[in-house]
Amino acid sequence: MSSSTHSHAGSQQFPGNCTLEKALQTVVDVFHRYSIRQGKFDLLEFNDFRTLLTEQAPSFLTACNRNKHGYLNELFQETDLNKDSELSFEEFTIVLSKVADDAHRISHGSDRCGPDQD
């Protein structure tokens, strides 16, 4: 999607009214709230990425030694697939999958730091 076709957060609504679609709209809205702070619209620079996770996923960051010095930088570098020092929404979904997996493990009372048991 080119930058000319991007809309500002909140101006477009995800079609549908299902629980999952509402959750997806929330994820998109949160990404937009942080991606417009610095740099280009719809891309997260490292500082915005760090702020987003610190404010929106503190439980994720406190588990499994993720609060160690350098973890967020490592995670950012790992998910910045095209190495442009910014995360697109698609790249951010890699991080989102890690946060979602952590939430799923919590819901089952599973070890948040070990390998999947499935």
N, C-alpha and C. Protein backbone atom coordinates (compact mmCIF):
# COMPACT_ATOMS: atom_id res chain seq x y z
N MET A 1 0.85 -1.17 0.00
CA MET A 1 0.00 0.00 0.00
C MET A 1 0.89 1.22 0.00
N SER A 2 0.68 2.11 -0.91
CA SER A 2 1.51 3.30 -0.98
C SER A 2 1.10 4.28 0.11
N SER A 3 2.02 5.19 0.41
CA SER A 3 1.73 6.15 1.48
C SER A 3 0.57 7.06 1.11
N SER A 4 0.28 7.23 -0.18
CA SER A 4 -0.82 8.08 -0.58
C SER A 4 -2.18 7.44 -0.32
N THR A 5 -2.20 6.12 -0.10
CA THR A 5 -3.47 5.47 0.16
C THR A 5 -3.70 5.24 1.64
N HIS A 6 -2.75 5.62 2.49
CA HIS A 6 -2.92 5.46 3.93
C HIS A 6 -3.91 6.48 4.45
N SER A 7 -4.70 6.08 5.41
CA SER A 7 -5.59 7.02 6.07
C SER A 7 -5.14 7.16 7.50
N HIS A 8 -5.54 8.24 8.13
CA HIS A 8 -5.19 8.44 9.53
C HIS A 8 -5.99 7.51 10.40
N ALA A 9 -5.40 7.15 11.55
CA ALA A 9 -6.05 6.25 12.50
C ALA A 9 -7.42 6.79 12.86
N GLY A 10 -8.40 5.92 12.83
CA GLY A 10 -9.74 6.28 13.23
C GLY A 10 -10.61 6.75 12.08
N SER A 11 -10.02 7.10 10.92
CA SER A 11 -10.86 7.61 9.83
C SER A 11 -11.51 6.48 9.05
N GLN A 12 -10.94 5.29 9.10
CA GLN A 12 -11.52 4.12 8.45
C GLN A 12 -11.82 3.08 9.52
N GLN A 13 -12.91 2.40 9.38
CA GLN A 13 -13.25 1.35 10.33
C GLN A 13 -13.20 0.00 9.64
N PHE A 14 -12.68 -0.97 10.35
CA PHE A 14 -12.63 -2.34 9.85
C PHE A 14 -14.06 -2.81 9.64
N PRO A 15 -14.36 -3.39 8.49
CA PRO A 15 -15.73 -3.86 8.26
C PRO A 15 -16.08 -5.00 9.21
N GLY A 16 -17.28 -5.00 9.66
CA GLY A 16 -17.73 -6.08 10.53
C GLY A 16 -17.75 -5.69 11.99
N ASN A 17 -18.41 -6.51 12.76
CA ASN A 17 -18.61 -6.20 14.17
C ASN A 17 -18.35 -7.42 15.04
N CYS A 18 -17.55 -8.37 14.54
CA CYS A 18 -17.25 -9.58 15.29
C CYS A 18 -16.14 -9.30 16.31
N THR A 19 -16.03 -10.14 17.29
CA THR A 19 -15.03 -9.97 18.34
C THR A 19 -13.62 -9.90 17.76
N LEU A 20 -13.29 -10.82 16.86
CA LEU A 20 -11.95 -10.83 16.28
C LEU A 20 -11.71 -9.57 15.46
N GLU A 21 -12.68 -9.16 14.68
CA GLU A 21 -12.51 -7.96 13.86
C GLU A 21 -12.35 -6.72 14.73
N LYS A 22 -13.06 -6.65 15.85
CA LYS A 22 -12.89 -5.52 16.78
C LYS A 22 -11.48 -5.54 17.36
N ALA A 23 -10.99 -6.73 17.71
CA ALA A 23 -9.64 -6.85 18.26
C ALA A 23 -8.60 -6.42 17.21
N LEU A 24 -8.79 -6.82 15.97
CA LEU A 24 -7.86 -6.43 14.91
C LEU A 24 -7.88 -4.92 14.70
N GLN A 25 -9.06 -4.32 14.76
CA GLN A 25 -9.15 -2.86 14.62
C GLN A 25 -8.39 -2.18 15.75
N THR A 26 -8.48 -2.72 16.96
CA THR A 26 -7.75 -2.17 18.10
C THR A 26 -6.25 -2.25 17.86
N VAL A 27 -5.78 -3.39 17.36
CA VAL A 27 -4.35 -3.56 17.07
C VAL A 27 -3.89 -2.51 16.05
N VAL A 28 -4.65 -2.34 14.99
CA VAL A 28 -4.31 -1.36 13.96
C VAL A 28 -4.30 0.05 14.55
N ASP A 29 -5.32 0.36 15.36
CA ASP A 29 -5.39 1.69 15.98
C ASP A 29 -4.20 1.96 16.89
N VAL A 30 -3.80 0.96 17.68
CA VAL A 30 -2.64 1.13 18.56
C VAL A 30 -1.38 1.35 17.73
N PHE A 31 -1.19 0.55 16.70
CA PHE A 31 -0.03 0.72 15.82
C PHE A 31 0.00 2.14 15.26
N HIS A 32 -1.14 2.62 14.76
CA HIS A 32 -1.20 3.97 14.19
C HIS A 32 -0.92 5.04 15.23
N ARG A 33 -1.39 4.84 16.44
CA ARG A 33 -1.17 5.83 17.50
C ARG A 33 0.32 6.05 17.74
N TYR A 34 1.11 5.01 17.63
CA TYR A 34 2.54 5.11 17.89
C TYR A 34 3.35 5.36 16.62
N SER A 35 2.86 4.95 15.48
CA SER A 35 3.63 5.08 14.25
C SER A 35 3.62 6.50 13.69
N ILE A 36 2.79 7.37 14.22
CA ILE A 36 2.76 8.74 13.71
C ILE A 36 3.56 9.70 14.57
N ARG A 37 4.26 9.19 15.57
CA ARG A 37 4.99 10.07 16.50
C ARG A 37 6.28 10.61 15.90
N GLN A 38 7.04 9.78 15.22
CA GLN A 38 8.32 10.19 14.62
C GLN A 38 8.39 9.60 13.22
N GLY A 39 9.20 10.21 12.39
CA GLY A 39 9.46 9.62 11.07
C GLY A 39 8.24 9.62 10.17
N LYS A 40 8.15 8.59 9.36
CA LYS A 40 7.10 8.48 8.35
C LYS A 40 5.84 7.87 8.95
N PHE A 41 4.70 8.33 8.46
CA PHE A 41 3.43 7.77 8.90
C PHE A 41 3.37 6.29 8.53
N ASP A 42 2.88 5.49 9.42
CA ASP A 42 2.68 4.05 9.23
C ASP A 42 3.96 3.24 9.32
N LEU A 43 5.00 3.82 9.90
CA LEU A 43 6.24 3.10 10.17
C LEU A 43 6.67 3.41 11.60
N LEU A 44 7.14 2.40 12.30
CA LEU A 44 7.63 2.59 13.67
C LEU A 44 9.14 2.70 13.67
N GLU A 45 9.65 3.80 14.18
CA GLU A 45 11.07 3.90 14.45
C GLU A 45 11.31 3.25 15.81
N PHE A 46 12.55 3.00 16.16
CA PHE A 46 12.86 2.26 17.37
C PHE A 46 12.25 2.90 18.62
N ASN A 47 12.39 4.21 18.78
CA ASN A 47 11.88 4.86 19.99
C ASN A 47 10.37 4.68 20.13
N ASP A 48 9.64 4.78 19.02
CA ASP A 48 8.20 4.56 19.05
C ASP A 48 7.86 3.11 19.36
N PHE A 49 8.63 2.20 18.80
CA PHE A 49 8.47 0.76 19.06
C PHE A 49 8.66 0.48 20.54
N ARG A 50 9.73 1.02 21.11
CA ARG A 50 10.01 0.81 22.53
C ARG A 50 8.88 1.38 23.40
N THR A 51 8.42 2.57 23.07
CA THR A 51 7.33 3.18 23.83
C THR A 51 6.05 2.37 23.71
N LEU A 52 5.73 1.92 22.50
CA LEU A 52 4.53 1.11 22.29
C LEU A 52 4.55 -0.13 23.17
N LEU A 53 5.63 -0.89 23.13
CA LEU A 53 5.68 -2.13 23.92
C LEU A 53 5.74 -1.84 25.42
N THR A 54 6.44 -0.81 25.82
CA THR A 54 6.53 -0.47 27.23
C THR A 54 5.17 -0.07 27.79
N GLU A 55 4.41 0.68 27.01
CA GLU A 55 3.10 1.15 27.47
C GLU A 55 1.98 0.14 27.23
N GLN A 56 2.06 -0.63 26.16
CA GLN A 56 0.94 -1.49 25.77
C GLN A 56 1.16 -2.97 26.06
N ALA A 57 2.38 -3.39 26.36
CA ALA A 57 2.65 -4.81 26.62
C ALA A 57 3.65 -4.99 27.76
N PRO A 58 3.42 -4.32 28.89
CA PRO A 58 4.39 -4.42 29.98
C PRO A 58 4.52 -5.83 30.55
N SER A 59 3.44 -6.58 30.60
CA SER A 59 3.50 -7.95 31.11
C SER A 59 4.39 -8.81 30.23
N PHE A 60 4.30 -8.64 28.93
CA PHE A 60 5.16 -9.36 27.99
C PHE A 60 6.63 -9.06 28.27
N LEU A 61 6.93 -7.79 28.52
CA LEU A 61 8.31 -7.37 28.69
C LEU A 61 8.91 -7.80 30.02
N THR A 62 8.10 -8.04 31.02
CA THR A 62 8.65 -8.40 32.33
C THR A 62 8.89 -9.90 32.47
N ALA A 63 8.36 -10.70 31.57
CA ALA A 63 8.52 -12.16 31.65
C ALA A 63 9.75 -12.60 30.87
N CYS A 64 10.30 -13.72 31.28
CA CYS A 64 11.33 -14.43 30.51
C CYS A 64 12.59 -13.61 30.24
N ASN A 65 12.94 -12.73 31.16
CA ASN A 65 14.14 -11.92 31.03
C ASN A 65 14.10 -10.98 29.83
N ARG A 66 12.87 -10.64 29.38
CA ARG A 66 12.75 -9.71 28.26
C ARG A 66 13.04 -8.27 28.65
N ASN A 67 13.13 -8.01 29.95
CA ASN A 67 13.44 -6.65 30.40
C ASN A 67 14.95 -6.43 30.52
N LYS A 68 15.73 -7.41 30.06
CA LYS A 68 17.19 -7.25 30.10
C LYS A 68 17.62 -6.15 29.12
N HIS A 69 18.74 -5.55 29.43
CA HIS A 69 19.29 -4.50 28.58
C HIS A 69 19.52 -5.06 27.16
N GLY A 70 19.03 -4.38 26.17
CA GLY A 70 19.26 -4.77 24.79
C GLY A 70 18.19 -5.64 24.16
N TYR A 71 17.25 -6.17 24.97
CA TYR A 71 16.24 -7.07 24.40
C TYR A 71 15.40 -6.37 23.33
N LEU A 72 14.91 -5.17 23.63
CA LEU A 72 14.05 -4.49 22.66
C LEU A 72 14.82 -4.16 21.38
N ASN A 73 16.06 -3.80 21.50
CA ASN A 73 16.87 -3.55 20.31
C ASN A 73 17.03 -4.82 19.49
N GLU A 74 17.30 -5.94 20.16
CA GLU A 74 17.43 -7.22 19.46
C GLU A 74 16.12 -7.59 18.76
N LEU A 75 15.00 -7.42 19.45
CA LEU A 75 13.70 -7.73 18.87
C LEU A 75 13.41 -6.85 17.67
N PHE A 76 13.72 -5.57 17.79
CA PHE A 76 13.52 -4.63 16.68
C PHE A 76 14.35 -5.05 15.47
N GLN A 77 15.62 -5.33 15.69
CA GLN A 77 16.51 -5.72 14.60
C GLN A 77 16.05 -7.03 13.95
N GLU A 78 15.60 -7.97 14.77
CA GLU A 78 15.13 -9.26 14.27
C GLU A 78 13.89 -9.12 13.38
N THR A 79 13.03 -8.19 13.72
CA THR A 79 11.77 -8.06 12.98
C THR A 79 11.84 -7.02 11.86
N ASP A 80 12.89 -6.23 11.82
CA ASP A 80 13.08 -5.26 10.73
C ASP A 80 13.66 -6.02 9.53
N LEU A 81 12.79 -6.72 8.83
CA LEU A 81 13.23 -7.65 7.79
C LEU A 81 13.99 -6.98 6.65
N ASN A 82 13.59 -5.77 6.26
CA ASN A 82 14.28 -5.11 5.15
C ASN A 82 15.40 -4.19 5.61
N LYS A 83 15.68 -4.20 6.91
CA LYS A 83 16.81 -3.47 7.51
C LYS A 83 16.82 -1.98 7.16
N ASP A 84 15.60 -1.36 7.21
CA ASP A 84 15.51 0.08 6.95
C ASP A 84 15.39 0.90 8.23
N SER A 85 15.57 0.26 9.37
CA SER A 85 15.50 0.90 10.69
C SER A 85 14.11 1.42 11.04
N GLU A 86 13.10 0.85 10.41
CA GLU A 86 11.70 1.16 10.70
C GLU A 86 10.91 -0.13 10.56
N LEU A 87 9.83 -0.25 11.34
CA LEU A 87 8.96 -1.41 11.21
C LEU A 87 7.67 -1.02 10.52
N SER A 88 7.38 -1.72 9.44
CA SER A 88 6.07 -1.58 8.80
C SER A 88 5.06 -2.34 9.64
N PHE A 89 3.79 -2.19 9.35
CA PHE A 89 2.78 -2.95 10.10
C PHE A 89 3.01 -4.44 9.91
N GLU A 90 3.34 -4.85 8.70
CA GLU A 90 3.59 -6.26 8.44
C GLU A 90 4.74 -6.79 9.30
N GLU A 91 5.81 -6.03 9.39
CA GLU A 91 6.92 -6.44 10.24
C GLU A 91 6.51 -6.45 11.72
N PHE A 92 5.71 -5.47 12.11
CA PHE A 92 5.24 -5.40 13.49
C PHE A 92 4.40 -6.62 13.86
N THR A 93 3.73 -7.24 12.89
CA THR A 93 2.91 -8.42 13.21
C THR A 93 3.77 -9.58 13.70
N ILE A 94 5.05 -9.58 13.39
CA ILE A 94 5.95 -10.61 13.92
C ILE A 94 6.06 -10.44 15.44
N VAL A 95 6.21 -9.21 15.89
CA VAL A 95 6.25 -8.91 17.32
C VAL A 95 4.90 -9.23 17.94
N LEU A 96 3.85 -8.83 17.25
CA LEU A 96 2.49 -9.08 17.74
C LEU A 96 2.24 -10.57 17.95
N SER A 97 2.78 -11.41 17.08
CA SER A 97 2.59 -12.86 17.24
C SER A 97 3.28 -13.36 18.51
N LYS A 98 4.42 -12.76 18.86
CA LYS A 98 5.11 -13.13 20.09
C LYS A 98 4.30 -12.72 21.32
N VAL A 99 3.72 -11.52 21.28
CA VAL A 99 2.88 -11.04 22.38
C VAL A 99 1.62 -11.90 22.49
N ALA A 100 1.03 -12.24 21.35
CA ALA A 100 -0.18 -13.08 21.35
C ALA A 100 0.13 -14.48 21.88
N ASP A 101 1.28 -15.04 21.51
CA ASP A 101 1.66 -16.35 22.01
C ASP A 101 1.84 -16.30 23.53
N ASP A 102 2.43 -15.24 24.02
CA ASP A 102 2.60 -15.07 25.46
C ASP A 102 1.23 -15.02 26.15
N ALA A 103 0.30 -14.26 25.59
CA ALA A 103 -1.06 -14.16 26.16
C ALA A 103 -1.74 -15.52 26.15
N HIS A 104 -1.54 -16.29 25.09
CA HIS A 104 -2.14 -17.62 24.99
C HIS A 104 -1.58 -18.54 26.07
N ARG A 105 -0.28 -18.47 26.28
CA ARG A 105 0.34 -19.29 27.33
C ARG A 105 -0.20 -18.91 28.71
N ILE A 106 -0.38 -17.62 28.95
CA ILE A 106 -0.94 -17.16 30.22
C ILE A 106 -2.34 -17.74 30.40
N SER A 107 -3.13 -17.72 29.33
CA SER A 107 -4.52 -18.20 29.44
C SER A 107 -4.59 -19.68 29.82
N HIS A 108 -3.55 -20.44 29.51
CA HIS A 108 -3.51 -21.87 29.84
C HIS A 108 -2.68 -22.17 31.08
N GLY A 109 -2.11 -21.12 31.67
CA GLY A 109 -1.24 -21.36 32.82
C GLY A 109 0.04 -22.07 32.43
N SER A 110 0.45 -21.93 31.18
CA SER A 110 1.64 -22.60 30.67
C SER A 110 2.91 -21.82 30.98
N ASP A 111 4.04 -22.49 30.86
CA ASP A 111 5.33 -21.85 31.02
C ASP A 111 5.51 -20.83 29.91
N ARG A 112 5.66 -19.58 30.28
CA ARG A 112 5.78 -18.50 29.29
C ARG A 112 7.15 -18.48 28.63
N CYS A 113 8.10 -19.17 29.19
CA CYS A 113 9.47 -19.07 28.70
C CYS A 113 9.97 -20.33 28.02
N GLY A 114 9.25 -21.41 28.12
CA GLY A 114 9.68 -22.67 27.54
C GLY A 114 9.17 -22.85 26.13
N PRO A 115 9.56 -23.93 25.49
CA PRO A 115 9.06 -24.21 24.14
C PRO A 115 7.58 -24.57 24.16
N ASP A 116 6.93 -24.42 23.02
CA ASP A 116 5.51 -24.81 22.91
C ASP A 116 5.36 -26.29 23.23
N GLN A 117 4.26 -26.62 23.87
CA GLN A 117 3.97 -27.99 24.23
C GLN A 117 2.97 -28.63 23.26
N ASP A 118 2.54 -27.88 22.27
CA ASP A 118 1.51 -28.39 21.32
C ASP A 118 2.10 -29.31 20.29
